[in-house]
Amino acid sequence: MSKHFAYVVYRITFPNGKIYIGKDVGSGGHSLRYFGSWNNKLVEEDFSKEELLSLTLKKDILFESDNVGDVSRMEGVLIVEHGSNDPMIGYNRTHRRQSGMIRSRHI
């Protein structure tokens, strides 16, 4: 089994339980050090300065594919499915419609 991931959709869980769902479709596939592009201001509003001094995040790979289009579509599906675009649940601020069939493995 290869340790290398292709393109992925991931979920970041913050200490307050809120989540962010994003995708990594960079050249060469998923990078372990990529943690997304959430809105820093939204996250900072939920934590004190002291809490931000030591912030532990959990990253889960939810979907993997060799096809960038499938990953982009699945990101939208998972944002809706997990409700991460609801400000009470997560930090995503987009609502994407589900479209197309996904031809890959759901992790």
N, C-alpha and C. Protein backbone atom coordinates (compact mmCIF):
# COMPACT_ATOMS: atom_id res chain seq x y z
N MET A 1 0.84 -1.18 0.00
CA MET A 1 0.00 0.00 0.00
C MET A 1 0.88 1.25 0.00
N SER A 2 0.63 2.14 -0.92
CA SER A 2 1.41 3.37 -1.02
C SER A 2 0.99 4.36 0.06
N LYS A 3 1.96 5.06 0.60
CA LYS A 3 1.68 6.10 1.59
C LYS A 3 1.31 7.41 0.92
N HIS A 4 1.52 7.51 -0.38
CA HIS A 4 1.24 8.73 -1.13
C HIS A 4 -0.25 8.82 -1.46
N PHE A 5 -0.84 9.98 -1.19
CA PHE A 5 -2.24 10.22 -1.55
C PHE A 5 -2.30 10.96 -2.87
N ALA A 6 -3.33 10.66 -3.65
CA ALA A 6 -3.59 11.43 -4.86
C ALA A 6 -4.23 12.75 -4.42
N TYR A 7 -5.19 13.24 -5.14
CA TYR A 7 -5.92 14.45 -4.76
C TYR A 7 -6.95 14.06 -3.71
N VAL A 8 -7.21 14.94 -2.76
CA VAL A 8 -8.06 14.57 -1.64
C VAL A 8 -9.03 15.68 -1.25
N VAL A 9 -10.09 15.25 -0.55
CA VAL A 9 -10.96 16.14 0.22
C VAL A 9 -10.70 15.77 1.67
N TYR A 10 -10.51 16.78 2.51
CA TYR A 10 -10.19 16.53 3.91
C TYR A 10 -11.11 17.35 4.81
N ARG A 11 -11.16 16.94 6.07
CA ARG A 11 -11.90 17.67 7.10
C ARG A 11 -10.91 18.06 8.18
N ILE A 12 -10.91 19.35 8.54
CA ILE A 12 -10.13 19.84 9.66
C ILE A 12 -11.10 20.04 10.81
N THR A 13 -10.78 19.48 11.98
CA THR A 13 -11.60 19.67 13.17
C THR A 13 -10.81 20.54 14.14
N PHE A 14 -11.44 21.63 14.55
CA PHE A 14 -10.83 22.58 15.47
C PHE A 14 -11.17 22.20 16.91
N PRO A 15 -10.44 22.74 17.90
CA PRO A 15 -10.68 22.38 19.30
C PRO A 15 -12.10 22.67 19.79
N ASN A 16 -12.80 23.60 19.16
CA ASN A 16 -14.17 23.90 19.55
C ASN A 16 -15.19 22.97 18.89
N GLY A 17 -14.71 22.00 18.10
CA GLY A 17 -15.59 21.05 17.45
C GLY A 17 -16.06 21.47 16.06
N LYS A 18 -15.84 22.74 15.70
CA LYS A 18 -16.23 23.17 14.36
C LYS A 18 -15.28 22.56 13.33
N ILE A 19 -15.79 22.45 12.09
CA ILE A 19 -15.02 21.80 11.04
C ILE A 19 -14.86 22.70 9.82
N TYR A 20 -13.87 22.38 9.03
CA TYR A 20 -13.65 22.99 7.73
C TYR A 20 -13.38 21.85 6.76
N ILE A 21 -14.06 21.85 5.63
CA ILE A 21 -13.82 20.84 4.61
C ILE A 21 -13.19 21.52 3.40
N GLY A 22 -12.10 20.95 2.93
CA GLY A 22 -11.38 21.52 1.81
C GLY A 22 -10.82 20.43 0.92
N LYS A 23 -10.15 20.86 -0.13
CA LYS A 23 -9.55 19.92 -1.06
C LYS A 23 -8.09 20.28 -1.27
N ASP A 24 -7.30 19.29 -1.61
CA ASP A 24 -5.90 19.50 -1.97
C ASP A 24 -5.72 18.88 -3.35
N VAL A 25 -5.60 19.74 -4.35
CA VAL A 25 -5.43 19.29 -5.72
C VAL A 25 -4.14 19.89 -6.30
N GLY A 26 -3.18 20.11 -5.42
CA GLY A 26 -1.89 20.66 -5.84
C GLY A 26 -1.11 19.67 -6.68
N SER A 27 -0.15 20.19 -7.38
CA SER A 27 0.68 19.35 -8.23
C SER A 27 1.38 18.28 -7.40
N GLY A 28 1.35 17.08 -7.86
CA GLY A 28 1.97 15.97 -7.14
C GLY A 28 1.06 15.31 -6.13
N GLY A 29 -0.17 15.75 -6.02
CA GLY A 29 -1.11 15.14 -5.08
C GLY A 29 -1.09 15.82 -3.72
N HIS A 30 -1.72 15.18 -2.77
CA HIS A 30 -1.91 15.73 -1.43
C HIS A 30 -0.59 15.93 -0.70
N SER A 31 -0.46 17.08 -0.07
CA SER A 31 0.70 17.38 0.76
C SER A 31 0.29 17.33 2.23
N LEU A 32 1.01 16.58 3.03
CA LEU A 32 0.68 16.48 4.46
C LEU A 32 0.69 17.83 5.15
N ARG A 33 1.48 18.76 4.67
CA ARG A 33 1.58 20.04 5.36
C ARG A 33 0.52 21.05 4.92
N TYR A 34 -0.33 20.69 3.97
CA TYR A 34 -1.39 21.61 3.52
C TYR A 34 -2.60 21.44 4.42
N PHE A 35 -3.03 22.53 5.04
CA PHE A 35 -4.17 22.51 5.95
C PHE A 35 -5.28 23.44 5.52
N GLY A 36 -5.31 23.84 4.28
CA GLY A 36 -6.46 24.56 3.77
C GLY A 36 -6.32 26.05 3.74
N SER A 37 -7.42 26.66 3.30
CA SER A 37 -7.44 28.12 3.14
C SER A 37 -8.72 28.68 3.76
N TRP A 38 -8.99 28.28 4.98
CA TRP A 38 -10.16 28.81 5.66
C TRP A 38 -9.95 30.29 5.96
N ASN A 39 -11.02 30.96 6.33
CA ASN A 39 -10.99 32.37 6.64
C ASN A 39 -10.44 32.55 8.06
N ASN A 40 -9.22 33.08 8.17
CA ASN A 40 -8.58 33.25 9.48
C ASN A 40 -9.42 34.08 10.43
N LYS A 41 -10.05 35.12 9.93
CA LYS A 41 -10.85 36.01 10.79
C LYS A 41 -11.99 35.23 11.45
N LEU A 42 -12.65 34.37 10.71
CA LEU A 42 -13.74 33.57 11.28
C LEU A 42 -13.24 32.67 12.41
N VAL A 43 -12.10 32.05 12.19
CA VAL A 43 -11.53 31.17 13.21
C VAL A 43 -11.09 31.99 14.42
N GLU A 44 -10.39 33.08 14.18
CA GLU A 44 -9.89 33.91 15.29
C GLU A 44 -11.02 34.44 16.17
N GLU A 45 -12.19 34.70 15.59
CA GLU A 45 -13.34 35.19 16.37
C GLU A 45 -13.81 34.18 17.41
N ASP A 46 -13.55 32.90 17.17
CA ASP A 46 -14.03 31.85 18.07
C ASP A 46 -13.04 31.49 19.18
N PHE A 47 -11.85 32.07 19.17
CA PHE A 47 -10.83 31.70 20.15
C PHE A 47 -10.20 32.95 20.76
N SER A 48 -9.81 32.83 22.01
CA SER A 48 -9.07 33.91 22.65
C SER A 48 -7.62 33.86 22.17
N LYS A 49 -6.89 34.92 22.43
CA LYS A 49 -5.47 34.95 22.05
C LYS A 49 -4.72 33.83 22.76
N GLU A 50 -5.05 33.59 24.02
CA GLU A 50 -4.40 32.53 24.78
C GLU A 50 -4.68 31.16 24.17
N GLU A 51 -5.92 30.94 23.72
CA GLU A 51 -6.26 29.66 23.09
C GLU A 51 -5.51 29.48 21.78
N LEU A 52 -5.24 30.57 21.10
CA LEU A 52 -4.53 30.48 19.81
C LEU A 52 -3.03 30.25 19.98
N LEU A 53 -2.53 30.42 21.21
CA LEU A 53 -1.10 30.16 21.46
C LEU A 53 -0.74 28.70 21.25
N SER A 54 -1.69 27.81 21.50
CA SER A 54 -1.46 26.38 21.31
C SER A 54 -2.74 25.78 20.73
N LEU A 55 -2.77 25.65 19.43
CA LEU A 55 -3.97 25.21 18.72
C LEU A 55 -3.72 23.84 18.09
N THR A 56 -4.51 22.87 18.48
CA THR A 56 -4.37 21.52 17.93
C THR A 56 -5.51 21.27 16.95
N LEU A 57 -5.15 20.90 15.72
CA LEU A 57 -6.13 20.60 14.69
C LEU A 57 -6.04 19.12 14.34
N LYS A 58 -7.18 18.56 13.97
CA LYS A 58 -7.22 17.17 13.51
C LYS A 58 -7.61 17.18 12.03
N LYS A 59 -6.86 16.44 11.23
CA LYS A 59 -7.12 16.38 9.79
C LYS A 59 -7.47 14.96 9.40
N ASP A 60 -8.63 14.80 8.76
CA ASP A 60 -9.08 13.49 8.28
C ASP A 60 -9.25 13.56 6.77
N ILE A 61 -8.73 12.57 6.07
CA ILE A 61 -8.94 12.46 4.63
C ILE A 61 -10.30 11.77 4.45
N LEU A 62 -11.21 12.43 3.75
CA LEU A 62 -12.56 11.90 3.56
C LEU A 62 -12.74 11.25 2.20
N PHE A 63 -11.95 11.67 1.21
CA PHE A 63 -12.12 11.19 -0.16
C PHE A 63 -10.82 11.36 -0.91
N GLU A 64 -10.52 10.41 -1.76
CA GLU A 64 -9.31 10.46 -2.57
C GLU A 64 -9.62 10.04 -3.99
N SER A 65 -9.00 10.70 -4.95
CA SER A 65 -9.17 10.35 -6.36
C SER A 65 -7.98 10.84 -7.16
N ASP A 66 -7.74 10.21 -8.29
CA ASP A 66 -6.73 10.68 -9.24
C ASP A 66 -7.31 11.76 -10.15
N ASN A 67 -8.62 12.00 -10.04
CA ASN A 67 -9.32 12.93 -10.93
C ASN A 67 -9.66 14.21 -10.18
N VAL A 68 -9.08 15.34 -10.61
CA VAL A 68 -9.30 16.63 -9.96
C VAL A 68 -10.78 17.03 -9.99
N GLY A 69 -11.45 16.76 -11.09
CA GLY A 69 -12.88 17.10 -11.20
C GLY A 69 -13.71 16.36 -10.18
N ASP A 70 -13.43 15.08 -9.99
CA ASP A 70 -14.16 14.31 -8.98
C ASP A 70 -13.93 14.88 -7.58
N VAL A 71 -12.69 15.27 -7.30
CA VAL A 71 -12.37 15.83 -5.98
C VAL A 71 -13.11 17.15 -5.77
N SER A 72 -13.13 17.98 -6.79
CA SER A 72 -13.83 19.26 -6.68
C SER A 72 -15.32 19.06 -6.45
N ARG A 73 -15.92 18.13 -7.18
CA ARG A 73 -17.35 17.85 -6.98
C ARG A 73 -17.61 17.27 -5.60
N MET A 74 -16.75 16.34 -5.18
CA MET A 74 -16.96 15.70 -3.89
C MET A 74 -16.76 16.68 -2.73
N GLU A 75 -15.89 17.66 -2.90
CA GLU A 75 -15.73 18.67 -1.86
C GLU A 75 -17.08 19.35 -1.59
N GLY A 76 -17.78 19.74 -2.65
CA GLY A 76 -19.09 20.36 -2.49
C GLY A 76 -20.10 19.44 -1.84
N VAL A 77 -20.11 18.18 -2.26
CA VAL A 77 -21.02 17.19 -1.68
C VAL A 77 -20.76 17.06 -0.18
N LEU A 78 -19.49 16.96 0.20
CA LEU A 78 -19.16 16.75 1.61
C LEU A 78 -19.38 17.99 2.46
N ILE A 79 -19.21 19.18 1.88
CA ILE A 79 -19.53 20.41 2.61
C ILE A 79 -21.01 20.40 3.00
N VAL A 80 -21.86 20.05 2.04
CA VAL A 80 -23.29 20.00 2.31
C VAL A 80 -23.62 18.85 3.26
N GLU A 81 -23.07 17.68 3.00
CA GLU A 81 -23.36 16.49 3.82
C GLU A 81 -22.97 16.69 5.29
N HIS A 82 -21.84 17.32 5.53
CA HIS A 82 -21.36 17.54 6.90
C HIS A 82 -21.89 18.84 7.51
N GLY A 83 -22.51 19.67 6.70
CA GLY A 83 -23.05 20.93 7.20
C GLY A 83 -21.99 21.96 7.58
N SER A 84 -20.81 21.82 7.02
CA SER A 84 -19.72 22.72 7.43
C SER A 84 -19.90 24.15 6.93
N ASN A 85 -20.91 24.39 6.08
CA ASN A 85 -21.22 25.76 5.66
C ASN A 85 -22.22 26.43 6.60
N ASP A 86 -22.67 25.72 7.63
CA ASP A 86 -23.51 26.28 8.69
C ASP A 86 -22.57 26.89 9.73
N PRO A 87 -22.66 28.19 10.00
CA PRO A 87 -21.74 28.84 10.95
C PRO A 87 -21.71 28.21 12.34
N MET A 88 -22.75 27.50 12.71
CA MET A 88 -22.76 26.82 14.01
C MET A 88 -21.95 25.52 13.98
N ILE A 89 -21.69 25.00 12.79
CA ILE A 89 -21.01 23.71 12.63
C ILE A 89 -19.60 23.88 12.07
N GLY A 90 -19.43 24.82 11.15
CA GLY A 90 -18.14 24.87 10.48
C GLY A 90 -17.75 26.23 9.95
N TYR A 91 -16.60 26.23 9.28
CA TYR A 91 -15.99 27.45 8.77
C TYR A 91 -16.08 27.62 7.26
N ASN A 92 -16.73 26.69 6.56
CA ASN A 92 -16.93 26.88 5.12
C ASN A 92 -18.02 27.94 4.94
N ARG A 93 -17.84 28.79 3.97
CA ARG A 93 -18.84 29.83 3.72
C ARG A 93 -19.38 29.76 2.31
N THR A 94 -19.26 28.62 1.70
CA THR A 94 -19.82 28.43 0.36
C THR A 94 -20.80 27.27 0.41
N HIS A 95 -21.78 27.32 -0.44
CA HIS A 95 -22.74 26.24 -0.57
C HIS A 95 -22.65 25.74 -2.00
N ARG A 96 -22.22 24.54 -2.15
CA ARG A 96 -22.05 23.98 -3.49
C ARG A 96 -23.12 22.93 -3.74
N ARG A 97 -23.66 22.96 -4.94
CA ARG A 97 -24.67 21.97 -5.31
C ARG A 97 -24.01 20.65 -5.66
N GLN A 98 -24.69 19.56 -5.34
CA GLN A 98 -24.20 18.25 -5.71
C GLN A 98 -24.45 18.05 -7.20
N SER A 99 -23.43 17.58 -7.91
CA SER A 99 -23.60 17.34 -9.34
C SER A 99 -22.66 16.25 -9.81
N GLY A 100 -23.13 15.50 -10.76
CA GLY A 100 -22.28 14.49 -11.40
C GLY A 100 -22.07 13.25 -10.55
N MET A 101 -21.58 12.24 -11.20
CA MET A 101 -21.27 10.98 -10.53
C MET A 101 -19.80 10.98 -10.16
N ILE A 102 -19.49 10.41 -9.02
CA ILE A 102 -18.11 10.33 -8.55
C ILE A 102 -17.60 8.91 -8.81
N ARG A 103 -16.48 8.82 -9.49
CA ARG A 103 -15.90 7.52 -9.85
C ARG A 103 -14.60 7.34 -9.10
N SER A 104 -14.67 7.03 -7.82
CA SER A 104 -13.46 6.81 -7.07
C SER A 104 -13.81 6.19 -5.73
N ARG A 105 -12.82 6.14 -4.85
CA ARG A 105 -13.07 5.49 -3.56
C ARG A 105 -13.33 6.54 -2.49
N HIS A 106 -14.35 6.29 -1.74
CA HIS A 106 -14.76 7.14 -0.62
C HIS A 106 -14.12 6.54 0.62
N ILE A 107 -13.28 7.30 1.30
CA ILE A 107 -12.54 6.77 2.44
C ILE A 107 -13.33 6.97 3.71
